[in-house]
Amino acid sequence: MVPKFRVWDKKTKEYFHISELWNSGTNPECFNFDGWTDNFGNKGRLKDIVIEQYTGLQDSDGKEIYEGDIVHGYDQEPDRDDGYIGSSVTDVVNFKYGAFWIGDSWYKVMVMTPPIIEVIGNAHENPELLEES
């Protein structure tokens, strides 16, 4: 699998594709350690962005799960039909300890563990979802 990324711009409060960090490739100085110039001549600085990697997983609706997504993960016990949800967690997807996790604690559920994962937002556009959980 080829790694995929998305970029959150802290100034504009928008996501953009990582390829937009580079000019069309004609200017070798368009990207340096401090920042970049995009195809439209806009200047940016690395401290103003958050690069998030795709986990390689999709949620129960087929939506790609990235770092920074707020997900609800739960495990339904197979022998119960009364709506009972076994274990449940709502938190941000992070990359720690060499794997993607829901939350930033070793004791939280790993993204691959629960059979049911739903992306309900992301940490940048929907921080209120974390307050409610």
Protein backbone atom coordinates (compact mmCIF):
# COMPACT_ATOMS: atom_id res chain seq x y z
CA MET A 1 0.00 0.00 0.00
CA VAL A 2 1.31 3.44 -0.92
CA PRO A 3 1.09 5.81 2.07
CA LYS A 4 -1.58 8.49 1.77
CA PHE A 5 -1.68 11.79 3.63
CA ARG A 6 -3.91 14.80 4.11
CA VAL A 7 -2.86 18.19 5.43
CA TRP A 8 -4.72 20.48 7.85
CA ASP A 9 -3.93 24.18 7.46
CA LYS A 10 -4.17 25.86 10.87
CA LYS A 11 -4.51 29.33 9.31
CA THR A 12 -7.24 28.68 6.74
CA LYS A 13 -8.85 25.92 8.85
CA GLU A 14 -9.15 23.67 5.79
CA TYR A 15 -7.80 20.33 4.60
CA PHE A 16 -5.81 20.15 1.39
CA HIS A 17 -4.02 17.42 -0.54
CA ILE A 18 -0.36 16.96 0.35
CA SER A 19 0.66 17.44 -3.29
CA GLU A 20 -0.32 21.10 -2.90
CA LEU A 21 2.76 21.59 -0.68
CA TRP A 22 4.90 21.55 -3.81
CA ASN A 23 4.88 23.76 -6.86
CA SER A 24 4.38 22.09 -10.20
CA GLY A 25 7.98 20.92 -9.86
CA THR A 26 9.51 23.62 -12.05
CA ASN A 27 11.03 25.55 -9.15
CA PRO A 28 13.47 23.46 -7.08
CA GLU A 29 13.35 26.05 -4.30
CA CYS A 30 9.57 25.90 -3.89
CA PHE A 31 9.90 23.68 -0.81
CA ASN A 32 12.52 23.99 1.88
CA PHE A 33 12.79 23.22 5.56
CA ASP A 34 10.90 26.34 6.56
CA GLY A 35 8.00 26.42 4.12
CA TRP A 36 6.67 26.29 0.57
CA THR A 37 4.99 28.18 -2.23
CA ASP A 38 1.96 26.46 -3.76
CA ASN A 39 0.86 26.44 -7.39
CA PHE A 40 -1.06 29.68 -6.82
CA GLY A 41 1.85 31.61 -5.32
CA ASN A 42 0.60 31.32 -1.77
CA LYS A 43 3.29 31.05 0.88
CA GLY A 44 3.05 28.64 3.78
CA ARG A 45 5.10 27.61 6.78
CA LEU A 46 5.47 24.11 8.18
CA LYS A 47 4.48 25.25 11.66
CA ASP A 48 1.07 26.18 10.25
CA ILE A 49 0.13 22.69 9.07
CA VAL A 50 -0.61 19.23 10.48
CA ILE A 51 0.18 16.26 8.23
CA GLU A 52 -2.04 13.23 8.91
CA GLN A 53 -1.52 9.71 7.56
CA TYR A 54 -4.16 7.30 6.29
CA THR A 55 -4.39 4.22 8.55
CA GLY A 56 -5.10 1.84 5.67
CA LEU A 57 -8.49 1.10 7.23
CA GLN A 58 -12.03 2.15 6.40
CA ASP A 59 -14.92 2.63 8.78
CA SER A 60 -18.19 0.71 8.67
CA ASP A 61 -19.47 3.08 5.94
CA GLY A 62 -16.35 2.72 3.76
CA LYS A 63 -14.85 6.11 4.74
CA GLU A 64 -11.05 6.19 4.99
CA ILE A 65 -9.73 6.59 8.55
CA TYR A 66 -6.88 9.11 9.04
CA GLU A 67 -4.88 10.31 12.01
CA GLY A 68 -6.84 13.15 13.61
CA ASP A 69 -10.23 11.57 12.87
CA ILE A 70 -12.62 11.24 15.76
CA VAL A 71 -14.02 7.74 15.70
CA HIS A 72 -16.51 5.74 17.69
CA GLY A 73 -15.33 2.16 18.06
CA TYR A 74 -17.35 -0.55 19.70
CA ASP A 75 -17.54 -4.29 20.02
CA GLN A 76 -20.97 -5.91 19.88
CA GLU A 77 -21.14 -9.20 21.73
CA PRO A 78 -22.26 -11.76 19.11
CA ASP A 79 -24.69 -13.64 21.35
CA ARG A 80 -26.78 -10.56 22.27
CA ASP A 81 -29.52 -9.04 20.15
CA ASP A 82 -30.87 -6.48 22.64
CA GLY A 83 -28.74 -3.52 21.50
CA TYR A 84 -26.06 -4.06 24.12
CA ILE A 85 -22.67 -2.67 23.12
CA GLY A 86 -19.80 -4.50 24.79
CA SER A 87 -16.80 -2.18 24.97
CA SER A 88 -16.99 1.29 23.48
CA VAL A 89 -14.61 4.22 22.93
CA THR A 90 -14.85 7.62 21.22
CA ASP A 91 -11.56 9.43 20.70
CA VAL A 92 -9.00 10.70 18.19
CA VAL A 93 -6.97 8.32 16.02
CA ASN A 94 -3.23 8.65 16.76
CA PHE A 95 -0.07 6.88 15.66
CA LYS A 96 1.80 5.65 18.73
CA TYR A 97 3.84 2.61 19.71
CA GLY A 98 4.21 1.66 16.02
CA ALA A 99 0.47 1.36 15.37
CA PHE A 100 -2.71 3.42 15.00
CA TRP A 101 -4.72 3.78 18.21
CA ILE A 102 -7.96 5.35 19.31
CA GLY A 103 -6.79 7.84 21.92
CA ASP A 104 -3.31 8.41 23.22
CA SER A 105 -3.18 5.93 26.06
CA TRP A 106 -1.72 2.44 25.89
CA TYR A 107 -4.94 1.17 27.44
CA LYS A 108 -7.27 2.48 24.73
CA VAL A 109 -8.54 0.26 21.94
CA MET A 110 -6.32 -0.14 18.86
CA VAL A 111 -7.99 0.96 15.61
CA MET A 112 -7.89 -2.57 14.19
CA THR A 113 -9.37 -4.21 17.30
CA PRO A 114 -13.06 -3.23 17.34
CA PRO A 115 -15.09 -4.82 14.55
CA ILE A 116 -17.20 -1.66 14.23
CA ILE A 117 -15.54 1.74 13.70
CA GLU A 118 -17.39 4.89 12.65
CA VAL A 119 -15.69 8.17 11.72
CA ILE A 120 -17.84 10.87 13.34
CA GLY A 121 -15.62 13.89 12.64
CA ASN A 122 -12.07 15.11 13.09
CA ALA A 123 -10.16 16.85 15.85
CA HIS A 124 -9.77 20.10 13.91
CA GLU A 125 -13.31 20.72 12.66
CA ASN A 126 -15.27 18.93 15.40
CA PRO A 127 -13.45 19.26 18.77
CA GLU A 128 -16.82 19.47 20.53
CA LEU A 129 -17.31 15.74 19.83
CA LEU A 130 -14.52 14.98 22.28
CA GLU A 131 -16.06 17.16 24.98
CA GLU A 132 -19.36 15.28 24.72
CA SER A 133 -17.70 11.88 25.07
